[in-house]
């Protein structure tokens, strides 16, 4: 790797966001804080569960269409992957691209980012890789390559765009458009609406990995902010909000209790939940309508 960058370090924001979110009614926590090193590892495990269809479906689509996608992207391009994770999907494109200038993987999980980027560099030694550890929901500076590319291509796989509230999704897409410029391209994944049973199973697997992933947010608060959450008194809940077309993840308090975080007390009623994530599902028409506003 020829450059490593880290922006928008979350340490200073984490406490404020937790205090603000748990002071609301209903209580909330921002899903971007799932992804410490342990959370990133758990999400990688989630992607291998039989219930979690998005990853294997998207990989199948990319494998079937990689050659055509590469021809539309063209040669001497630079890729920016948002939420790059383990950098598995980008390999499918790299194997078909003609002389790509480089790759900028962007992810909030710094340890996984740099480890994955190093592994990718070993596979593609001629590719300039400039990892950026950042919260990509905020504007971030993009490093420059040694050789300017013909165009930038933003790659946003998975269904992470569904974790944004619709107005913030539009805002994010506007930011991407500014980053890649008028000649740039965006290759994005989004999840289509389907039967509720399939959706719920994807976010509540039988092995309990998604439950551990959700509860890890409380562990992180305990470890980094001095919280005293008892993980045994919270349970993972996934539900489908049909009116809003989204899966919701919650952590439900199984008893009446008080939690202390950095000298702040938070009261929980039995059955009260912390809303930790939304995963919006789309039709092709609804996603096109939303993205056209960016």
C-alpha atoms as a PDB file:
ATOM      1  CA  UNK A   1       0.000   0.000   0.000  1.00  0.00           C
ATOM      2  CA  UNK A   2       1.435   3.319  -1.010  1.00  0.00           C
ATOM      3  CA  UNK A   3      -0.678   5.441   1.294  1.00  0.00           C
ATOM      4  CA  UNK A   4      -2.822   4.991   4.349  1.00  0.00           C
ATOM      5  CA  UNK A   5      -5.296   7.619   5.465  1.00  0.00           C
ATOM      6  CA  UNK A   6      -7.676   7.919   8.392  1.00  0.00           C
ATOM      7  CA  UNK A   7     -10.336  10.605   8.672  1.00  0.00           C
ATOM      8  CA  UNK A   8     -13.392  11.329  10.813  1.00  0.00           C
ATOM      9  CA  UNK A   9     -12.204   9.221  13.730  1.00  0.00           C
ATOM     10  CA  UNK A  10     -15.340   8.247  15.608  1.00  0.00           C
ATOM     11  CA  UNK A  11     -13.908   8.207  19.144  1.00  0.00           C
ATOM     12  CA  UNK A  12     -14.904  11.800  19.857  1.00  0.00           C
ATOM     13  CA  UNK A  13     -18.414  11.310  18.492  1.00  0.00           C
ATOM     14  CA  UNK A  14     -19.261   7.904  19.894  1.00  0.00           C
ATOM     15  CA  UNK A  15     -20.141   9.015  23.423  1.00  0.00           C
ATOM     16  CA  UNK A  16     -22.221  11.988  22.292  1.00  0.00           C
ATOM     17  CA  UNK A  17     -24.166   9.877  19.805  1.00  0.00           C
ATOM     18  CA  UNK A  18     -24.838   7.174  22.403  1.00  0.00           C
ATOM     19  CA  UNK A  19     -25.999   9.663  25.047  1.00  0.00           C
ATOM     20  CA  UNK A  20     -28.204  11.462  22.534  1.00  0.00           C
ATOM     21  CA  UNK A  21     -29.681   8.253  21.125  1.00  0.00           C
ATOM     22  CA  UNK A  22     -30.485   6.668  24.483  1.00  0.00           C
ATOM     23  CA  UNK A  23     -32.036   9.928  25.712  1.00  0.00           C
ATOM     24  CA  UNK A  24     -34.647   9.784  22.949  1.00  0.00           C
ATOM     25  CA  UNK A  25     -38.028   8.130  23.108  1.00  0.00           C
ATOM     26  CA  UNK A  26     -37.895   5.572  21.576  1.00  0.00           C
ATOM     27  CA  UNK A  27     -34.219   4.890  22.269  1.00  0.00           C
ATOM     28  CA  UNK A  28     -31.886   4.533  19.282  1.00  0.00           C
ATOM     29  CA  UNK A  29     -28.253   3.801  18.464  1.00  0.00           C
ATOM     30  CA  UNK A  30     -26.568   4.512  15.136  1.00  0.00           C
ATOM     31  CA  UNK A  31     -25.747   1.375  13.129  1.00  0.00           C
ATOM     32  CA  UNK A  32     -22.374   2.706  11.977  1.00  0.00           C
ATOM     33  CA  UNK A  33     -21.092   1.882  15.469  1.00  0.00           C
ATOM     34  CA  UNK A  34     -21.629  -1.832  14.866  1.00  0.00           C
ATOM     35  CA  UNK A  35     -18.348  -1.977  13.017  1.00  0.00           C
ATOM     36  CA  UNK A  36     -15.512  -2.153  15.483  1.00  0.00           C
ATOM     37  CA  UNK A  37     -13.088  -4.986  14.781  1.00  0.00           C
ATOM     38  CA  UNK A  38     -15.314  -7.584  16.465  1.00  0.00           C
ATOM     39  CA  UNK A  39     -18.431  -6.266  14.738  1.00  0.00           C
ATOM     40  CA  UNK A  40     -16.744  -6.395  11.334  1.00  0.00           C
ATOM     41  CA  UNK A  41     -15.744 -10.009  11.972  1.00  0.00           C
ATOM     42  CA  UNK A  42     -19.281 -10.919  13.008  1.00  0.00           C
ATOM     43  CA  UNK A  43     -20.753  -9.286   9.914  1.00  0.00           C
ATOM     44  CA  UNK A  44     -18.376 -11.299   7.737  1.00  0.00           C
ATOM     45  CA  UNK A  45     -19.756 -14.410   9.481  1.00  0.00           C
ATOM     46  CA  UNK A  46     -23.348 -13.244   8.913  1.00  0.00           C
ATOM     47  CA  UNK A  47     -22.640 -13.098   5.184  1.00  0.00           C
ATOM     48  CA  UNK A  48     -21.863 -16.841   5.212  1.00  0.00           C
ATOM     49  CA  UNK A  49     -25.096 -17.949   6.910  1.00  0.00           C
ATOM     50  CA  UNK A  50     -27.646 -19.784   4.745  1.00  0.00           C
ATOM     51  CA  UNK A  51     -30.355 -17.289   5.730  1.00  0.00           C
ATOM     52  CA  UNK A  52     -28.409 -14.194   4.619  1.00  0.00           C
ATOM     53  CA  UNK A  53     -29.156 -14.245   0.891  1.00  0.00           C
ATOM     54  CA  UNK A  54     -27.877 -10.733  -0.134  1.00  0.00           C
ATOM     55  CA  UNK A  55     -24.159 -11.602  -0.251  1.00  0.00           C
ATOM     56  CA  UNK A  56     -24.335 -14.823  -2.248  1.00  0.00           C
ATOM     57  CA  UNK A  57     -26.975 -13.339  -4.569  1.00  0.00           C
ATOM     58  CA  UNK A  58     -24.870 -10.284  -5.316  1.00  0.00           C
ATOM     59  CA  UNK A  59     -21.718 -12.339  -5.865  1.00  0.00           C
ATOM     60  CA  UNK A  60     -23.648 -14.481  -8.340  1.00  0.00           C
ATOM     61  CA  UNK A  61     -24.862 -11.364 -10.183  1.00  0.00           C
ATOM     62  CA  UNK A  62     -21.346  -9.912 -10.303  1.00  0.00           C
ATOM     63  CA  UNK A  63     -19.844 -13.163 -11.586  1.00  0.00           C
ATOM     64  CA  UNK A  64     -22.476 -13.425 -14.299  1.00  0.00           C
ATOM     65  CA  UNK A  65     -22.072  -9.822 -15.436  1.00  0.00           C
ATOM     66  CA  UNK A  66     -18.482  -8.855 -14.586  1.00  0.00           C
ATOM     67  CA  UNK A  67     -17.229  -8.891 -18.173  1.00  0.00           C
ATOM     68  CA  UNK A  68     -20.060  -6.653 -19.380  1.00  0.00           C
ATOM     69  CA  UNK A  69     -19.674  -4.310 -16.392  1.00  0.00           C
ATOM     70  CA  UNK A  70     -15.925  -4.054 -17.038  1.00  0.00           C
ATOM     71  CA  UNK A  71     -16.498  -3.149 -20.685  1.00  0.00           C
ATOM     72  CA  UNK A  72     -18.816  -0.314 -19.651  1.00  0.00           C
ATOM     73  CA  UNK A  73     -16.352   0.937 -17.046  1.00  0.00           C
ATOM     74  CA  UNK A  74     -13.515   1.061 -19.569  1.00  0.00           C
ATOM     75  CA  UNK A  75      -9.773   1.153 -19.078  1.00  0.00           C
ATOM     76  CA  UNK A  76      -7.480   3.247 -16.884  1.00  0.00           C
ATOM     77  CA  UNK A  77     -10.167   3.909 -14.291  1.00  0.00           C
ATOM     78  CA  UNK A  78      -9.945   4.347 -10.527  1.00  0.00           C
ATOM     79  CA  UNK A  79     -12.357   2.571  -8.208  1.00  0.00           C
ATOM     80  CA  UNK A  80     -13.712   3.907  -4.924  1.00  0.00           C
ATOM     81  CA  UNK A  81     -15.389   1.230  -2.833  1.00  0.00           C
ATOM     82  CA  UNK A  82     -17.576   2.471   0.021  1.00  0.00           C
ATOM     83  CA  UNK A  83     -17.961   0.096   2.957  1.00  0.00           C
ATOM     84  CA  UNK A  84     -15.268  -2.117   1.483  1.00  0.00           C
ATOM     85  CA  UNK A  85     -15.166  -4.670   4.323  1.00  0.00           C
ATOM     86  CA  UNK A  86     -13.151  -7.751   3.364  1.00  0.00           C
ATOM     87  CA  UNK A  87     -12.752  -6.548  -0.261  1.00  0.00           C
ATOM     88  CA  UNK A  88     -14.090  -9.816  -1.666  1.00  0.00           C
ATOM     89  CA  UNK A  89     -16.488  -8.458  -4.275  1.00  0.00           C
ATOM     90  CA  UNK A  90     -14.068  -5.970  -5.817  1.00  0.00           C
ATOM     91  CA  UNK A  91     -11.825  -8.875  -6.854  1.00  0.00           C
ATOM     92  CA  UNK A  92     -14.517 -10.057  -9.257  1.00  0.00           C
ATOM     93  CA  UNK A  93     -14.355  -6.736 -11.111  1.00  0.00           C
ATOM     94  CA  UNK A  94     -10.582  -6.371 -10.933  1.00  0.00           C
ATOM     95  CA  UNK A  95     -10.113  -9.668 -12.745  1.00  0.00           C
ATOM     96  CA  UNK A  96     -11.956  -8.256 -15.760  1.00  0.00           C
ATOM     97  CA  UNK A  97     -10.886  -4.599 -15.783  1.00  0.00           C
ATOM     98  CA  UNK A  98      -8.286  -3.423 -18.283  1.00  0.00           C
ATOM     99  CA  UNK A  99      -5.357  -1.641 -16.634  1.00  0.00           C
ATOM    100  CA  UNK A 100      -7.184  -0.057 -13.678  1.00  0.00           C
ATOM    101  CA  UNK A 101      -5.216   2.841 -12.199  1.00  0.00           C
ATOM    102  CA  UNK A 102      -6.036   2.074  -8.594  1.00  0.00           C
ATOM    103  CA  UNK A 103      -8.491   1.459  -5.793  1.00  0.00           C
ATOM    104  CA  UNK A 104      -9.596   3.550  -2.820  1.00  0.00           C
ATOM    105  CA  UNK A 105     -11.323   1.260  -0.307  1.00  0.00           C
ATOM    106  CA  UNK A 106     -13.235   3.246   2.326  1.00  0.00           C
ATOM    107  CA  UNK A 107     -14.413   1.656   5.559  1.00  0.00           C
ATOM    108  CA  UNK A 108     -15.066   2.610   9.170  1.00  0.00           C
ATOM    109  CA  UNK A 109     -13.439  -0.580  10.516  1.00  0.00           C
ATOM    110  CA  UNK A 110      -9.778   0.420  10.360  1.00  0.00           C
ATOM    111  CA  UNK A 111      -8.164  -2.893  11.327  1.00  0.00           C
ATOM    112  CA  UNK A 112     -10.115  -4.910   8.784  1.00  0.00           C
ATOM    113  CA  UNK A 113      -9.612  -2.237   6.120  1.00  0.00           C
ATOM    114  CA  UNK A 114      -5.819  -2.192   6.240  1.00  0.00           C
ATOM    115  CA  UNK A 115      -5.541  -5.965   6.605  1.00  0.00           C
ATOM    116  CA  UNK A 116      -7.826  -6.529   3.604  1.00  0.00           C
ATOM    117  CA  UNK A 117      -6.026  -3.870   1.561  1.00  0.00           C
ATOM    118  CA  UNK A 118      -2.673  -5.508   2.281  1.00  0.00           C
ATOM    119  CA  UNK A 119      -3.999  -8.897   1.201  1.00  0.00           C
ATOM    120  CA  UNK A 120      -5.399  -7.377  -1.982  1.00  0.00           C
ATOM    121  CA  UNK A 121      -2.079  -5.701  -2.753  1.00  0.00           C
ATOM    122  CA  UNK A 122      -0.414  -9.115  -2.661  1.00  0.00           C
ATOM    123  CA  UNK A 123      -2.875 -10.354  -5.287  1.00  0.00           C
ATOM    124  CA  UNK A 124      -2.661  -7.238  -7.479  1.00  0.00           C
ATOM    125  CA  UNK A 125       0.883  -5.856  -7.021  1.00  0.00           C
ATOM    126  CA  UNK A 126       0.543  -3.383  -9.914  1.00  0.00           C
ATOM    127  CA  UNK A 127      -2.614  -1.808  -8.495  1.00  0.00           C
ATOM    128  CA  UNK A 128      -2.177   1.358  -6.441  1.00  0.00           C
ATOM    129  CA  UNK A 129      -4.314   0.895  -3.320  1.00  0.00           C
ATOM    130  CA  UNK A 130      -5.021   3.903  -1.109  1.00  0.00           C
ATOM    131  CA  UNK A 131      -7.189   2.806   1.853  1.00  0.00           C
ATOM    132  CA  UNK A 132      -9.154   5.450   3.721  1.00  0.00           C
ATOM    133  CA  UNK A 133     -10.409   4.666   7.232  1.00  0.00           C
ATOM    134  CA  UNK A 134     -13.434   6.911   7.612  1.00  0.00           C
ATOM    135  CA  UNK A 135     -17.123   7.241   8.302  1.00  0.00           C
ATOM    136  CA  UNK A 136     -18.252   7.486   4.690  1.00  0.00           C
ATOM    137  CA  UNK A 137     -21.634   8.890   5.695  1.00  0.00           C
ATOM    138  CA  UNK A 138     -19.711  12.162   6.064  1.00  0.00           C
ATOM    139  CA  UNK A 139     -17.736  14.019   3.363  1.00  0.00           C
ATOM    140  CA  UNK A 140     -14.217  12.637   3.092  1.00  0.00           C
ATOM    141  CA  UNK A 141     -11.163  13.819   1.142  1.00  0.00           C
ATOM    142  CA  UNK A 142     -10.139  11.400  -1.597  1.00  0.00           C
ATOM    143  CA  UNK A 143      -6.385  10.791  -2.010  1.00  0.00           C
ATOM    144  CA  UNK A 144      -4.776  11.314  -5.413  1.00  0.00           C
ATOM    145  CA  UNK A 145      -3.206   8.545  -7.459  1.00  0.00           C
ATOM    146  CA  UNK A 146       0.299   8.672  -8.890  1.00  0.00           C
ATOM    147  CA  UNK A 147      -1.242   8.496 -12.363  1.00  0.00           C
ATOM    148  CA  UNK A 148      -4.539  10.371 -12.899  1.00  0.00           C
ATOM    149  CA  UNK A 149      -7.342   8.041 -14.039  1.00  0.00           C
ATOM    150  CA  UNK A 150      -9.599   8.604 -17.026  1.00  0.00           C
ATOM    151  CA  UNK A 151     -12.605   8.404 -14.735  1.00  0.00           C
ATOM    152  CA  UNK A 152     -13.658   7.438 -11.224  1.00  0.00           C
ATOM    153  CA  UNK A 153     -16.067   4.589 -10.580  1.00  0.00           C
ATOM    154  CA  UNK A 154     -17.836   4.388  -7.216  1.00  0.00           C
ATOM    155  CA  UNK A 155     -18.608   0.843  -6.080  1.00  0.00           C
ATOM    156  CA  UNK A 156     -21.153   0.448  -3.278  1.00  0.00           C
ATOM    157  CA  UNK A 157     -22.098  -3.240  -3.080  1.00  0.00           C
ATOM    158  CA  UNK A 158     -24.251  -5.028  -0.570  1.00  0.00           C
ATOM    159  CA  UNK A 159     -27.472  -3.402   0.565  1.00  0.00           C
ATOM    160  CA  UNK A 160     -25.900  -0.744   2.790  1.00  0.00           C
ATOM    161  CA  UNK A 161     -27.736   2.029   0.964  1.00  0.00           C
ATOM    162  CA  UNK A 162     -30.840   0.575   2.637  1.00  0.00           C
ATOM    163  CA  UNK A 163     -29.413   1.439   6.068  1.00  0.00           C
ATOM    164  CA  UNK A 164     -29.784   5.143   5.265  1.00  0.00           C
ATOM    165  CA  UNK A 165     -32.992   7.037   5.879  1.00  0.00           C
ATOM    166  CA  UNK A 166     -34.291   8.039   2.414  1.00  0.00           C
ATOM    167  CA  UNK A 167     -33.295  11.711   2.704  1.00  0.00           C
ATOM    168  CA  UNK A 168     -29.813  10.746   3.906  1.00  0.00           C
ATOM    169  CA  UNK A 169     -29.496   8.192   1.104  1.00  0.00           C
ATOM    170  CA  UNK A 170     -30.152  10.970  -1.398  1.00  0.00           C
ATOM    171  CA  UNK A 171     -27.624  13.165   0.393  1.00  0.00           C
ATOM    172  CA  UNK A 172     -25.033  10.390   0.285  1.00  0.00           C
ATOM    173  CA  UNK A 173     -25.603   9.799  -3.431  1.00  0.00           C
ATOM    174  CA  UNK A 174     -25.242  13.519  -4.065  1.00  0.00           C
ATOM    175  CA  UNK A 175     -21.874  13.414  -2.306  1.00  0.00           C
ATOM    176  CA  UNK A 176     -20.745  10.432  -4.374  1.00  0.00           C
ATOM    177  CA  UNK A 177     -21.759  12.251  -7.550  1.00  0.00           C
ATOM    178  CA  UNK A 178     -19.598  15.222  -6.605  1.00  0.00           C
ATOM    179  CA  UNK A 179     -16.675  12.937  -5.793  1.00  0.00           C
ATOM    180  CA  UNK A 180     -16.658  10.981  -9.059  1.00  0.00           C
ATOM    181  CA  UNK A 181     -17.514  13.953 -11.293  1.00  0.00           C
ATOM    182  CA  UNK A 182     -19.619  14.216 -14.433  1.00  0.00           C
ATOM    183  CA  UNK A 183     -17.737  11.427 -16.215  1.00  0.00           C
ATOM    184  CA  UNK A 184     -17.915   9.096 -13.233  1.00  0.00           C
ATOM    185  CA  UNK A 185     -19.962   5.950 -12.843  1.00  0.00           C
ATOM    186  CA  UNK A 186     -21.732   4.420  -9.851  1.00  0.00           C
ATOM    187  CA  UNK A 187     -22.181   0.679  -9.428  1.00  0.00           C
ATOM    188  CA  UNK A 188     -24.501   0.120  -6.471  1.00  0.00           C
ATOM    189  CA  UNK A 189     -26.319  -2.790  -4.887  1.00  0.00           C
ATOM    190  CA  UNK A 190     -29.752  -2.605  -3.272  1.00  0.00           C
ATOM    191  CA  UNK A 191     -32.100  -5.231  -1.905  1.00  0.00           C
ATOM    192  CA  UNK A 192     -35.484  -5.873  -3.468  1.00  0.00           C
ATOM    193  CA  UNK A 193     -38.668  -6.423  -1.504  1.00  0.00           C
ATOM    194  CA  UNK A 194     -39.616 -10.072  -1.065  1.00  0.00           C
ATOM    195  CA  UNK A 195     -41.646 -12.324   1.210  1.00  0.00           C
ATOM    196  CA  UNK A 196     -41.500 -11.372   4.877  1.00  0.00           C
ATOM    197  CA  UNK A 197     -40.390 -14.833   6.040  1.00  0.00           C
ATOM    198  CA  UNK A 198     -37.240 -14.655   3.897  1.00  0.00           C
ATOM    199  CA  UNK A 199     -36.483 -11.121   5.047  1.00  0.00           C
ATOM    200  CA  UNK A 200     -36.872 -11.882   8.745  1.00  0.00           C
ATOM    201  CA  UNK A 201     -34.749 -15.034   8.553  1.00  0.00           C
ATOM    202  CA  UNK A 202     -31.908 -13.059   6.951  1.00  0.00           C
ATOM    203  CA  UNK A 203     -31.745 -10.795  10.004  1.00  0.00           C
ATOM    204  CA  UNK A 204     -32.309 -13.443  12.675  1.00  0.00           C
ATOM    205  CA  UNK A 205     -30.267 -16.505  11.710  1.00  0.00           C
ATOM    206  CA  UNK A 206     -30.613 -19.774  13.601  1.00  0.00           C
ATOM    207  CA  UNK A 207     -26.964 -19.776  14.734  1.00  0.00           C
ATOM    208  CA  UNK A 208     -27.506 -16.443  16.489  1.00  0.00           C
ATOM    209  CA  UNK A 209     -24.672 -14.612  14.742  1.00  0.00           C
ATOM    210  CA  UNK A 210     -26.870 -11.604  13.963  1.00  0.00           C
ATOM    211  CA  UNK A 211     -27.941 -11.541  17.602  1.00  0.00           C
ATOM    212  CA  UNK A 212     -24.275 -11.452  18.661  1.00  0.00           C
ATOM    213  CA  UNK A 213     -23.614  -8.735  16.089  1.00  0.00           C
ATOM    214  CA  UNK A 214     -26.447  -6.609  17.467  1.00  0.00           C
ATOM    215  CA  UNK A 215     -25.451  -7.157  21.110  1.00  0.00           C
ATOM    216  CA  UNK A 216     -21.814  -6.393  20.311  1.00  0.00           C
ATOM    217  CA  UNK A 217     -22.854  -2.751  20.112  1.00  0.00           C
ATOM    218  CA  UNK A 218     -23.616  -2.905  23.842  1.00  0.00           C
ATOM    219  CA  UNK A 219     -20.280  -4.621  24.488  1.00  0.00           C
ATOM    220  CA  UNK A 220     -18.551  -1.829  22.648  1.00  0.00           C
ATOM    221  CA  UNK A 221     -20.301   0.780  24.803  1.00  0.00           C
ATOM    222  CA  UNK A 222     -19.184  -1.126  27.899  1.00  0.00           C
ATOM    223  CA  UNK A 223     -15.582  -1.412  26.707  1.00  0.00           C
ATOM    224  CA  UNK A 224     -15.068   2.055  25.238  1.00  0.00           C
ATOM    225  CA  UNK A 225     -17.457   4.254  27.201  1.00  0.00           C
ATOM    226  CA  UNK A 226     -17.484   2.582  30.599  1.00  0.00           C
ATOM    227  CA  UNK A 227     -21.043   1.307  30.290  1.00  0.00           C
ATOM    228  CA  UNK A 228     -22.475  -1.480  32.421  1.00  0.00           C
ATOM    229  CA  UNK A 229     -24.960  -3.126  30.051  1.00  0.00           C
ATOM    230  CA  UNK A 230     -25.807  -6.683  31.076  1.00  0.00           C
ATOM    231  CA  UNK A 231     -26.022  -8.414  27.710  1.00  0.00           C
ATOM    232  CA  UNK A 232     -28.003 -11.288  29.239  1.00  0.00           C
ATOM    233  CA  UNK A 233     -30.920  -8.918  29.908  1.00  0.00           C
ATOM    234  CA  UNK A 234     -31.252  -7.800  26.283  1.00  0.00           C
ATOM    235  CA  UNK A 235     -32.425  -9.882  23.363  1.00  0.00           C
ATOM    236  CA  UNK A 236     -32.116  -9.385  19.617  1.00  0.00           C
ATOM    237  CA  UNK A 237     -35.360  -8.634  17.767  1.00  0.00           C
ATOM    238  CA  UNK A 238     -35.880  -8.355  14.000  1.00  0.00           C
ATOM    239  CA  UNK A 239     -39.206  -7.125  12.685  1.00  0.00           C
ATOM    240  CA  UNK A 240     -40.607  -5.991   9.350  1.00  0.00           C
ATOM    241  CA  UNK A 241     -42.254  -2.577   9.148  1.00  0.00           C
ATOM    242  CA  UNK A 242     -44.552  -3.024   6.179  1.00  0.00           C
ATOM    243  CA  UNK A 243     -45.687   0.606   6.068  1.00  0.00           C
ATOM    244  CA  UNK A 244     -42.108   1.823   5.677  1.00  0.00           C
ATOM    245  CA  UNK A 245     -40.837  -1.162   3.709  1.00  0.00           C
ATOM    246  CA  UNK A 246     -37.934  -1.946   6.009  1.00  0.00           C
ATOM    247  CA  UNK A 247     -36.484  -4.522   8.354  1.00  0.00           C
ATOM    248  CA  UNK A 248     -35.846  -3.072  11.811  1.00  0.00           C
ATOM    249  CA  UNK A 249     -33.330  -4.428  14.292  1.00  0.00           C
ATOM    250  CA  UNK A 250     -33.904  -3.802  17.986  1.00  0.00           C
ATOM    251  CA  UNK A 251     -32.429  -4.813  21.322  1.00  0.00           C
ATOM    252  CA  UNK A 252     -35.243  -5.552  23.797  1.00  0.00           C
ATOM    253  CA  UNK A 253     -34.810  -5.194  27.534  1.00  0.00           C
ATOM    254  CA  UNK A 254     -36.138  -8.346  29.168  1.00  0.00           C
ATOM    255  CA  UNK A 255     -36.476  -6.701  32.573  1.00  0.00           C
ATOM    256  CA  UNK A 256     -36.847  -3.293  34.192  1.00  0.00           C
ATOM    257  CA  UNK A 257     -33.321  -2.005  34.684  1.00  0.00           C
ATOM    258  CA  UNK A 258     -30.960   0.967  34.892  1.00  0.00           C
ATOM    259  CA  UNK A 259     -27.792   1.318  32.815  1.00  0.00           C
ATOM    260  CA  UNK A 260     -24.882   3.623  33.633  1.00  0.00           C
ATOM    261  CA  UNK A 261     -22.753   5.118  30.843  1.00  0.00           C
ATOM    262  CA  UNK A 262     -20.101   7.712  31.659  1.00  0.00           C
ATOM    263  CA  UNK A 263     -21.990   8.979  34.728  1.00  0.00           C
ATOM    264  CA  UNK A 264     -25.296   9.102  32.782  1.00  0.00           C
ATOM    265  CA  UNK A 265     -28.180   6.890  33.935  1.00  0.00           C
ATOM    266  CA  UNK A 266     -30.679   5.382  31.501  1.00  0.00           C
ATOM    267  CA  UNK A 267     -33.870   3.690  32.656  1.00  0.00           C
ATOM    268  CA  UNK A 268     -35.315   0.742  30.725  1.00  0.00           C
ATOM    269  CA  UNK A 269     -38.787  -0.705  31.127  1.00  0.00           C
ATOM    270  CA  UNK A 270     -39.356  -4.402  30.612  1.00  0.00           C
ATOM    271  CA  UNK A 271     -40.021  -4.878  26.901  1.00  0.00           C
ATOM    272  CA  UNK A 272     -38.571  -1.482  25.924  1.00  0.00           C
ATOM    273  CA  UNK A 273     -36.282  -1.586  22.898  1.00  0.00           C
ATOM    274  CA  UNK A 274     -33.263   0.199  21.500  1.00  0.00           C
ATOM    275  CA  UNK A 275     -33.742   0.665  17.751  1.00  0.00           C
ATOM    276  CA  UNK A 276     -30.324  -0.132  16.256  1.00  0.00           C
ATOM    277  CA  UNK A 277     -30.782  -0.421  12.502  1.00  0.00           C
ATOM    278  CA  UNK A 278     -33.121  -0.034   9.551  1.00  0.00           C
ATOM    279  CA  UNK A 279     -32.706  -1.980   6.320  1.00  0.00           C
ATOM    280  CA  UNK A 280     -34.938  -0.487   3.644  1.00  0.00           C
ATOM    281  CA  UNK A 281     -36.069  -2.746   0.814  1.00  0.00           C
ATOM    282  CA  UNK A 282     -36.909  -1.411  -2.627  1.00  0.00           C
ATOM    283  CA  UNK A 283     -38.587  -2.117  -5.902  1.00  0.00           C
ATOM    284  CA  UNK A 284     -36.600  -1.211  -9.017  1.00  0.00           C
ATOM    285  CA  UNK A 285     -39.011   1.665  -9.549  1.00  0.00           C
ATOM    286  CA  UNK A 286     -38.764   3.021  -6.007  1.00  0.00           C
ATOM    287  CA  UNK A 287     -34.961   2.940  -6.029  1.00  0.00           C
ATOM    288  CA  UNK A 288     -34.814   4.655  -9.411  1.00  0.00           C
ATOM    289  CA  UNK A 289     -37.196   7.337  -8.145  1.00  0.00           C
ATOM    290  CA  UNK A 290     -35.088   7.924  -5.035  1.00  0.00           C
ATOM    291  CA  UNK A 291     -31.732   7.957  -6.812  1.00  0.00           C
ATOM    292  CA  UNK A 292     -33.015  10.333  -9.491  1.00  0.00           C
ATOM    293  CA  UNK A 293     -33.373  12.997  -6.785  1.00  0.00           C
ATOM    294  CA  UNK A 294     -29.617  12.962  -6.115  1.00  0.00           C
END
